[in-house]
Protein backbone atom coordinates (compact mmCIF):
# COMPACT_ATOMS: atom_id res chain seq x y z
CA MET A 1 -8.76 -24.48 3.43
CA ASP A 2 -10.98 -22.02 2.26
CA LEU A 3 -9.96 -18.82 1.63
CA GLY A 4 -13.13 -16.49 1.37
CA ILE A 5 -12.19 -15.03 -1.22
CA ARG A 6 -14.29 -16.30 -3.91
CA GLY A 7 -15.94 -14.23 -6.50
CA ARG A 8 -13.35 -11.16 -5.17
CA LYS A 9 -11.33 -8.88 -8.19
CA ALA A 10 -7.97 -8.24 -7.84
CA ILE A 11 -5.36 -6.40 -9.62
CA VAL A 12 -1.77 -8.76 -9.81
CA CYS A 13 0.68 -6.40 -10.99
CA ALA A 14 3.53 -7.35 -12.99
CA SER A 15 2.13 -10.98 -12.75
CA SER A 16 2.91 -12.44 -16.29
CA ARG A 17 5.76 -14.41 -14.93
CA GLY A 18 7.58 -15.01 -11.74
CA LEU A 19 6.24 -13.78 -8.47
CA GLY A 20 3.14 -12.17 -9.60
CA ARG A 21 2.70 -15.05 -11.56
CA GLY A 22 2.87 -17.38 -8.45
CA CYS A 23 0.49 -14.70 -7.00
CA ALA A 24 -2.32 -14.60 -9.60
CA MET A 25 -2.53 -18.33 -10.14
CA SER A 26 -3.00 -19.03 -6.09
CA LEU A 27 -6.29 -15.96 -6.13
CA ALA A 28 -7.43 -17.57 -9.00
CA GLU A 29 -7.17 -21.15 -7.08
CA ALA A 30 -9.02 -19.86 -4.31
CA GLY A 31 -11.97 -18.49 -6.93
CA CYS A 32 -10.76 -14.84 -7.12
CA ASP A 33 -11.33 -13.24 -10.54
CA VAL A 34 -8.37 -11.58 -11.78
CA VAL A 35 -6.85 -8.53 -13.55
CA VAL A 36 -3.18 -9.74 -14.47
CA ASN A 37 -0.64 -7.01 -16.01
CA GLY A 38 2.44 -7.49 -17.55
CA ARG A 39 4.67 -5.95 -20.43
CA ASP A 40 5.58 -8.60 -23.16
CA ALA A 41 2.35 -9.44 -24.09
CA LYS A 42 2.99 -12.76 -25.65
CA ALA A 43 3.82 -13.97 -21.79
CA LEU A 44 0.79 -11.82 -20.36
CA ALA A 45 -1.61 -14.06 -22.96
CA ALA A 46 0.25 -17.35 -22.00
CA THR A 47 -0.40 -16.67 -18.29
CA ALA A 48 -3.97 -15.41 -18.84
CA ALA A 49 -5.04 -18.35 -20.79
CA GLU A 50 -3.46 -20.74 -18.43
CA ILE A 51 -5.67 -19.04 -15.07
CA ARG A 52 -8.57 -19.53 -17.62
CA GLN A 53 -8.16 -23.11 -17.76
CA ARG A 54 -7.34 -24.82 -15.10
CA PHE A 55 -9.35 -22.66 -12.86
CA GLY A 56 -12.55 -21.02 -14.47
CA VAL A 57 -12.74 -17.73 -13.27
CA GLU A 58 -12.68 -14.09 -15.14
CA VAL A 59 -9.25 -12.59 -16.42
CA THR A 60 -8.63 -9.65 -17.73
CA GLU A 61 -5.11 -9.11 -19.48
CA ILE A 62 -3.53 -5.81 -19.46
CA ALA A 63 -0.70 -5.40 -21.55
CA ALA A 64 1.58 -2.10 -19.90
CA ASP A 65 3.90 -0.16 -17.75
CA VAL A 66 2.32 -0.67 -14.18
CA SER A 67 4.51 2.58 -13.44
CA SER A 68 3.03 4.31 -16.37
CA ALA A 69 -0.20 6.67 -15.95
CA GLU A 70 -1.78 5.25 -19.17
CA GLY A 71 -0.92 1.92 -17.36
CA GLN A 72 -2.20 2.40 -14.29
CA LYS A 73 -5.41 3.82 -15.74
CA ALA A 74 -5.98 0.70 -18.06
CA LEU A 75 -5.71 -1.40 -14.56
CA LEU A 76 -8.17 0.89 -12.66
CA SER A 77 -10.90 1.04 -15.58
CA ALA A 78 -10.47 -2.89 -16.06
CA CYS A 79 -11.03 -3.06 -12.75
CA PRO A 80 -13.04 0.09 -10.56
CA ALA A 81 -13.64 -1.83 -7.46
CA PRO A 82 -10.94 -4.49 -6.55
CA ASP A 83 -11.57 -6.00 -3.38
CA ILE A 84 -7.77 -7.01 -3.71
CA LEU A 85 -4.76 -5.28 -4.74
CA VAL A 86 -1.18 -7.23 -4.90
CA ASN A 87 1.85 -4.43 -5.79
CA ASN A 88 4.51 -5.87 -7.73
CA ASN A 89 6.78 -3.89 -10.52
CA GLY A 90 10.46 -5.01 -11.57
CA GLY A 91 13.35 -3.39 -10.26
CA PRO A 92 16.39 -1.94 -10.96
CA PRO A 93 19.14 -3.79 -12.69
CA PRO A 94 22.13 -4.29 -9.81
CA LYS A 95 24.53 -1.56 -10.63
CA PRO A 96 27.84 -0.52 -8.62
CA PHE A 97 27.08 1.98 -6.21
CA GLY A 98 29.69 3.77 -8.11
CA GLN A 99 28.52 3.34 -11.62
CA ILE A 100 24.25 5.11 -10.05
CA ASP A 101 23.40 8.52 -11.17
CA ARG A 102 20.12 11.02 -10.11
CA ALA A 103 18.08 9.56 -12.85
CA ALA A 104 18.84 5.78 -11.73
CA ILE A 105 17.13 7.00 -8.32
CA LEU A 106 14.52 8.38 -8.89
CA ALA A 107 13.18 5.74 -12.23
CA GLY A 108 13.95 3.15 -9.03
CA VAL A 109 11.56 5.43 -6.42
CA GLU A 110 9.20 5.46 -9.17
CA GLN A 111 8.67 2.28 -9.74
CA ASN A 112 9.17 0.92 -6.20
CA MET A 113 7.61 3.21 -3.83
CA ILE A 114 5.72 5.66 -5.66
CA THR A 115 4.16 3.72 -7.97
CA PRO A 116 2.47 1.21 -5.58
CA ILE A 117 1.67 4.80 -3.32
CA GLU A 118 -0.27 5.50 -6.35
CA LEU A 119 -2.21 2.98 -7.02
CA ILE A 120 -3.24 1.91 -3.19
CA ARG A 121 -4.73 6.02 -3.03
CA ALA A 122 -7.06 4.94 -5.95
CA VAL A 123 -8.18 1.89 -4.64
CA ILE A 124 -7.81 1.87 -0.48
CA ASP A 125 -11.06 4.58 -0.35
CA GLY A 126 -13.39 2.29 -2.29
CA MET A 127 -11.72 -0.75 0.00
CA ALA A 128 -12.69 1.18 3.07
CA GLU A 129 -16.42 2.10 1.79
CA ARG A 130 -17.15 -1.72 1.15
CA GLY A 131 -16.20 -2.89 4.31
CA PHE A 132 -12.95 -5.23 2.74
CA GLY A 133 -10.11 -5.07 0.97
CA ARG A 134 -6.72 -6.59 0.93
CA ILE A 135 -3.45 -4.89 -0.04
CA VAL A 136 -0.27 -6.83 -0.40
CA ASN A 137 3.40 -5.13 -1.82
CA ILE A 138 5.78 -7.30 -3.00
CA THR A 139 8.56 -5.95 -1.46
CA SER A 140 12.57 -7.46 -0.91
CA LEU A 141 14.45 -9.22 2.22
CA SER A 142 17.06 -6.53 0.98
CA VAL A 143 14.77 -4.17 3.17
CA TYR A 144 16.19 -6.08 6.02
CA GLN A 145 18.92 -7.24 4.74
CA PRO A 146 21.60 -5.67 2.28
CA ILE A 147 22.19 -7.37 -1.03
CA PRO A 148 25.27 -5.28 -2.42
CA GLY A 149 24.39 -3.83 -6.50
CA LEU A 150 20.91 -3.24 -5.18
CA ASP A 151 21.12 -0.55 -3.32
CA VAL A 152 18.45 1.56 -5.24
CA SER A 153 15.95 -0.87 -5.16
CA SER A 154 16.54 -1.33 -1.33
CA GLY A 155 15.99 1.97 -0.85
CA ALA A 156 13.09 2.29 -2.60
CA ARG A 157 11.06 -0.82 -0.97
CA ALA A 158 12.35 0.10 2.22
CA GLY A 159 10.77 3.55 2.05
CA LEU A 160 7.33 2.13 0.35
CA THR A 161 7.97 0.10 3.72
CA ALA A 162 7.95 2.77 6.00
CA PHE A 163 5.87 5.03 4.20
CA LEU A 164 2.64 2.86 4.54
CA ALA A 165 3.52 1.25 8.03
CA GLY A 166 1.18 4.07 9.53
CA VAL A 167 -1.40 4.10 6.74
CA ALA A 168 -1.94 0.66 7.55
CA ARG A 169 -3.13 1.41 10.52
CA THR A 170 -6.11 3.97 9.71
CA VAL A 171 -8.07 1.15 7.48
CA ALA A 172 -7.39 -1.53 9.81
CA SER A 173 -11.27 -0.89 11.11
CA ARG A 174 -12.57 -0.85 8.03
CA ASN A 175 -11.22 -5.01 7.57
CA VAL A 176 -8.74 -3.03 4.55
CA THR A 177 -5.16 -4.18 5.19
CA ILE A 178 -2.06 -3.71 3.69
CA ASN A 179 0.86 -6.36 4.37
CA ASN A 180 4.09 -6.89 2.67
CA ILE A 181 5.83 -9.92 1.67
CA LEU A 182 9.81 -9.67 1.45
CA PRO A 183 11.11 -12.43 -1.34
CA GLY A 184 14.26 -13.85 -0.19
CA ARG A 185 16.30 -16.45 -2.84
CA PHE A 186 13.35 -17.12 -5.15
CA ASP A 187 14.04 -18.80 -8.82
CA THR A 188 12.80 -16.04 -10.85
CA ASP A 189 13.94 -14.06 -13.73
CA ARG A 190 14.81 -11.30 -11.15
CA ILE A 191 17.57 -13.27 -9.60
CA ARG A 192 19.04 -14.43 -12.67
CA SER A 193 20.17 -11.44 -13.78
CA THR A 194 21.70 -10.64 -10.51
CA LEU A 195 23.32 -14.50 -10.37
CA LYS A 196 24.93 -13.06 -13.50
CA PHE A 197 26.29 -10.00 -12.73
CA SER A 198 27.23 -12.01 -8.78
CA ALA A 199 28.74 -14.85 -11.23
CA GLU A 200 30.89 -12.13 -12.87
CA LYS A 201 31.96 -10.72 -9.75
CA ALA A 202 33.11 -13.40 -8.57
CA GLY A 203 34.62 -14.71 -11.66
CA ILE A 204 32.82 -18.09 -12.20
CA SER A 205 29.47 -19.20 -13.94
CA GLN A 206 26.10 -19.00 -13.15
CA GLU A 207 25.67 -22.51 -12.60
CA GLU A 208 28.23 -22.57 -10.19
CA GLN A 209 26.93 -19.43 -8.67
CA MET A 210 23.25 -20.67 -8.25
CA LYS A 211 24.71 -23.98 -6.17
CA ARG A 212 26.80 -21.11 -3.73
CA ILE A 213 23.28 -19.47 -3.39
CA ALA A 214 21.13 -22.22 -2.93
CA GLY A 215 23.69 -24.12 -0.22
CA THR A 216 23.37 -20.48 1.43
CA VAL A 217 19.96 -21.21 2.16
CA PRO A 218 18.79 -23.30 5.49
CA ALA A 219 15.64 -25.48 2.99
CA GLY A 220 18.56 -26.08 1.21
CA ARG A 221 17.26 -24.84 -1.99
CA LEU A 222 15.81 -21.86 -3.94
CA GLY A 223 12.34 -20.88 -3.52
CA THR A 224 9.09 -21.11 -5.83
CA ALA A 225 6.81 -18.77 -7.39
CA GLU A 226 3.77 -21.35 -6.94
CA GLU A 227 4.52 -21.10 -2.57
CA PHE A 228 4.74 -17.51 -2.70
CA GLY A 229 1.66 -17.30 -4.33
CA LYS A 230 -0.03 -19.32 -1.94
CA ALA A 231 1.66 -17.14 0.83
CA CYS A 232 0.16 -13.62 -0.63
CA ALA A 233 -3.43 -15.76 -1.33
CA PHE A 234 -3.74 -16.45 2.56
CA LEU A 235 -3.15 -12.52 3.50
CA CYS A 236 -5.35 -12.00 0.87
CA SER A 237 -7.88 -14.11 2.65
CA ALA A 238 -10.79 -13.40 4.66
CA GLN A 239 -9.00 -15.67 7.58
CA ALA A 240 -6.38 -12.72 7.50
CA GLY A 241 -8.31 -9.51 9.00
CA TYR A 242 -5.90 -9.52 11.43
CA ILE A 243 -2.92 -9.25 10.35
CA VAL A 244 -2.05 -5.12 9.55
CA GLY A 245 1.29 -3.23 8.74
CA GLN A 246 3.26 -6.76 8.71
CA ASN A 247 6.37 -7.91 6.83
CA LEU A 248 6.26 -11.03 6.24
CA VAL A 249 9.57 -12.44 4.92
CA LEU A 250 10.25 -15.89 3.28
CA ASP A 251 13.04 -16.55 2.46
CA GLY A 252 14.03 -19.96 3.35
CA GLY A 253 14.99 -19.07 6.84
CA PHE A 254 18.69 -17.21 4.99
CA PHE A 255 17.41 -14.33 7.29
CA ASN A 256 19.30 -15.04 10.77
CA SER A 257 17.15 -12.96 13.04
CA ALA A 258 15.37 -14.84 16.40
CA PHE A 259 13.23 -11.62 15.75
């Protein structure tokens, strides 16, 4: 299926590895020039080189913390008029509620709520003027279903979801969409860090905890970054202009709900 976005320009935050990398790969496969980002310059360079080799699109590497003013400035300088913005950022590490202090809460809100809002504010008017824009925020299934230990991350991502729900409706008539993807259990570095936390709490090995977690998913496995990226690319497609302010749950059926 031709997604109708060949030649479009995309910024994909935190895309040197994991779900962000999957999104950058799929957008490049659809013909987009991409700005990739990460704090690990070596991992970022490897991702950029693979995208160039496989898809022949223009790739710009920005090694920076997307939550910093300098990092955001670098991203927007590299691509001042993006057609697509994929917001992604690492979340706070798992921590028991009793150990969470004010500084940790503020840092989590900055990473997972304020940062994407700042980037959206910087690009949304230009998208509306040009008559095309696709914004996808990678949040978490924990927006719907709490995950003990990820309270700060869950709260910040839920706040982002509520904040943008109204904003999405104000730009839809200009062919600019804002949607969220809520990943469940994917095989990424992030879930492996939570696995360590939960395995220690249960008194078992990380390998055993991985098997337990995969067994709780109706699909019988963890998700892959590649299939996540394909879903993101569709939400960024020309055909997705009527999908507005939605939360797409990608979890292999883990969230048990009829609606």
